[in-house]
Amino acid sequence: MKKYSTISSTEKANLLQEFCEAISVLNGPEEIMDFITDLLTKQETVMIARRIKVAKMLINGKDYQEIQNLLKTSPTTISKINQWLLESGQGFRLIAKRTKRKESKKTQSEYSEFKKLKKRYPIMFWPQLLIEDIVKTMNEKQKERVKKSLKKLDRKSQIYQQINKALK
C-alpha cells in the first residue's frame, strides 16, 4: 500500500469519492455501524464520534471549558475542531442540524419514561424529589444564592448537576 504522501491528488480525490459512494449505498444506522466497525478500530471510532460531539457542542454555543469537562477532551482538540468549523465545517453543521431533531424526540420520550418511573417508585428517587420540592418553594433570591454556592464547588458531581438542572 502506498504512503499517503506518495499518492497523487487525482488519486486521492478518486479514493475519497469511492469511499463516499461506499457509505452512500448503506441503508440505515445498523449497516453503517457494521461498515464502520469493519473499517476502523474501536479507538478510532470513539475518537471520530468524539470529534463529532465536540463540533456539535461548539455549534450549539458551548464554551471550551464546558466541552473539556464533559468530554474529557484537550483544549487543543477542541481548538482544532473549532478551526475546522471556522474554515468550512459544512459536514459537521449538516450532521448537527439533522441529528438535533432526532435527539430532541429521543430525549423527550426518555424524559417522559423517567417521569413515569419516578412516579411509580418514588422511594427510589427520594433525594431528587426532595431537591425538586425544595427548589419549587424557593424564591428567586434564594435560588440565586444557591446557584452562587454551587458555582464555588470544585467538582461538579451528579448531585450538583441535578440541583443546577432543577434551578433552571
Protein backbone atom coordinates (compact mmCIF):
# COMPACT_ATOMS: atom_id res chain seq x y z
CA MET A 1 0.00 0.00 0.00
CA LYS A 2 1.34 3.42 -0.96
CA LYS A 3 2.11 6.01 1.68
CA TYR A 4 -0.27 8.96 1.76
CA SER A 5 2.46 11.39 0.72
CA THR A 6 3.18 9.43 -2.47
CA ILE A 7 -0.44 9.32 -3.70
CA SER A 8 -1.26 11.91 -6.37
CA SER A 9 -4.00 14.46 -5.69
CA THR A 10 -6.11 12.98 -8.50
CA GLU A 11 -5.84 9.52 -6.98
CA LYS A 12 -6.69 10.95 -3.52
CA ALA A 13 -9.81 12.59 -4.97
CA ASN A 14 -10.84 9.34 -6.65
CA LEU A 15 -10.30 7.36 -3.46
CA LEU A 16 -12.34 9.87 -1.45
CA GLN A 17 -15.15 9.71 -3.98
CA GLU A 18 -15.12 5.91 -3.90
CA PHE A 19 -15.19 5.97 -0.10
CA CYS A 20 -18.16 8.36 -0.07
CA GLU A 21 -20.00 6.21 -2.61
CA ALA A 22 -19.41 3.16 -0.41
CA ILE A 23 -21.02 4.94 2.54
CA SER A 24 -23.91 6.29 0.47
CA VAL A 25 -25.10 2.81 -0.57
CA LEU A 26 -25.60 1.76 3.04
CA ASN A 27 -29.16 1.72 4.39
CA GLY A 28 -29.72 2.74 7.98
CA PRO A 29 -27.64 3.02 11.13
CA GLU A 30 -27.12 -0.74 11.53
CA GLU A 31 -25.46 -1.16 8.12
CA ILE A 32 -23.37 1.95 8.67
CA MET A 33 -22.30 0.66 12.09
CA ASP A 34 -21.30 -2.70 10.59
CA PHE A 35 -19.23 -0.93 7.94
CA ILE A 36 -17.54 1.45 10.36
CA THR A 37 -16.67 -1.32 12.83
CA ASP A 38 -15.13 -3.30 9.97
CA LEU A 39 -13.22 -0.27 8.76
CA LEU A 40 -11.96 1.30 11.99
CA THR A 41 -10.67 0.15 15.35
CA LYS A 42 -12.80 0.80 18.44
CA GLN A 43 -10.44 3.60 19.46
CA GLU A 44 -10.65 5.28 16.05
CA THR A 45 -14.44 5.02 16.09
CA VAL A 46 -14.66 6.60 19.54
CA MET A 47 -12.24 9.38 18.59
CA ILE A 48 -14.24 10.25 15.45
CA ALA A 49 -17.50 10.15 17.41
CA ARG A 50 -15.92 12.43 20.00
CA ARG A 51 -14.90 14.92 17.30
CA ILE A 52 -18.47 14.99 16.05
CA LYS A 53 -19.74 15.55 19.60
CA VAL A 54 -17.26 18.41 20.14
CA ALA A 55 -18.30 20.00 16.83
CA LYS A 56 -21.99 19.75 17.74
CA MET A 57 -21.33 21.31 21.14
CA LEU A 58 -19.35 24.17 19.56
CA ILE A 59 -22.13 24.73 17.02
CA ASN A 60 -24.62 24.86 19.91
CA GLY A 61 -22.57 27.57 21.62
CA LYS A 62 -20.86 25.60 24.38
CA ASP A 63 -17.56 27.02 25.58
CA TYR A 64 -14.22 25.22 25.62
CA GLN A 65 -14.22 24.64 29.38
CA GLU A 66 -17.66 23.07 29.38
CA ILE A 67 -16.75 20.76 26.48
CA GLN A 68 -13.45 19.86 28.12
CA ASN A 69 -15.18 18.96 31.40
CA LEU A 70 -17.97 16.94 29.80
CA LEU A 71 -15.97 15.01 27.21
CA LYS A 72 -12.53 14.95 28.89
CA THR A 73 -11.05 16.38 25.69
CA SER A 74 -7.95 18.55 25.46
CA PRO A 75 -8.25 22.25 24.58
CA THR A 76 -6.02 21.53 21.57
CA THR A 77 -8.54 19.07 20.13
CA ILE A 78 -11.41 21.48 20.74
CA SER A 79 -9.41 24.29 19.14
CA LYS A 80 -8.60 22.18 16.08
CA ILE A 81 -12.26 21.26 15.58
CA ASN A 82 -13.28 24.88 16.07
CA GLN A 83 -10.76 25.85 13.39
CA TRP A 84 -12.30 23.29 11.01
CA LEU A 85 -15.71 24.82 11.73
CA LEU A 86 -14.40 28.31 11.03
CA GLU A 87 -12.76 27.28 7.76
CA SER A 88 -15.71 25.29 6.41
CA GLY A 89 -17.47 22.73 8.61
CA GLN A 90 -20.47 22.17 6.35
CA GLY A 91 -20.43 18.45 7.09
CA PHE A 92 -20.38 18.99 10.86
CA ARG A 93 -23.18 21.56 10.60
CA LEU A 94 -25.28 19.25 8.47
CA ILE A 95 -24.88 16.40 10.96
CA ALA A 96 -25.64 18.73 13.88
CA LYS A 97 -28.78 20.01 12.19
CA ARG A 98 -30.12 16.61 11.18
CA THR A 99 -29.36 14.84 14.45
CA LYS A 100 -30.75 17.69 16.57
CA ARG A 101 -34.29 16.75 15.53
CA LYS A 102 -33.74 13.08 16.38
CA GLU A 103 -32.10 13.89 19.72
CA SER A 104 -34.92 16.20 20.84
CA LYS A 105 -37.52 13.50 20.08
CA LYS A 106 -35.40 10.89 21.85
CA THR A 107 -34.79 12.98 24.97
CA GLN A 108 -38.47 13.88 25.25
CA SER A 109 -39.51 10.23 25.23
CA GLU A 110 -36.69 9.28 27.63
CA TYR A 111 -37.72 12.08 29.98
CA SER A 112 -41.37 11.02 30.00
CA GLU A 113 -40.32 7.41 30.73
CA PHE A 114 -38.14 8.66 33.57
CA LYS A 115 -41.03 10.71 34.99
CA LYS A 116 -43.28 7.64 34.92
CA LEU A 117 -40.61 5.64 36.72
CA LYS A 118 -40.23 8.34 39.39
CA LYS A 119 -43.99 8.39 39.99
CA ARG A 120 -44.21 4.62 40.19
CA TYR A 121 -41.21 4.17 42.53
CA PRO A 122 -40.83 7.44 44.46
CA ILE A 123 -38.81 5.84 47.26
CA MET A 124 -36.01 5.12 44.78
CA PHE A 125 -35.80 8.78 43.79
CA TRP A 126 -36.44 10.46 47.13
CA PRO A 127 -33.25 12.61 47.15
CA GLN A 128 -34.04 14.04 43.73
CA LEU A 129 -37.73 14.51 44.55
CA LEU A 130 -36.77 16.24 47.80
CA ILE A 131 -34.41 18.61 45.98
CA GLU A 132 -37.07 19.39 43.36
CA ASP A 133 -39.65 20.15 46.06
CA ILE A 134 -37.24 22.39 47.95
CA VAL A 135 -36.38 24.29 44.77
CA LYS A 136 -40.09 24.75 43.97
CA THR A 137 -40.62 26.50 47.31
CA MET A 138 -37.63 28.87 46.87
CA ASN A 139 -37.99 32.45 45.74
CA GLU A 140 -35.67 33.92 43.10
CA LYS A 141 -33.26 35.44 45.64
CA GLN A 142 -32.83 32.08 47.37
CA LYS A 143 -32.30 30.34 44.03
CA GLU A 144 -29.59 32.84 43.09
CA ARG A 145 -27.83 32.28 46.41
CA VAL A 146 -27.85 28.51 45.89
CA LYS A 147 -26.56 28.95 42.32
CA LYS A 148 -23.66 31.09 43.58
CA SER A 149 -22.81 28.50 46.22
CA LEU A 150 -22.86 25.72 43.65
CA LYS A 151 -20.50 27.63 41.36
CA LYS A 152 -17.93 27.72 44.15
CA LEU A 153 -17.79 23.91 44.31
CA ASP A 154 -14.59 22.49 42.86
CA ARG A 155 -16.06 19.42 41.25
CA LYS A 156 -19.37 19.07 39.55
CA SER A 157 -20.84 15.89 40.92
CA GLN A 158 -24.07 14.28 39.82
CA ILE A 159 -25.95 15.92 42.70
CA TYR A 160 -24.56 19.31 41.62
CA GLN A 161 -25.86 18.72 38.10
CA GLN A 162 -29.30 17.66 39.39
CA ILE A 163 -29.63 20.72 41.62
CA ASN A 164 -28.43 23.01 38.84
CA LYS A 165 -30.94 21.46 36.41
CA ALA A 166 -33.77 21.86 38.94
CA LEU A 167 -32.87 25.55 39.42
CA LYS A 168 -33.27 26.31 35.72
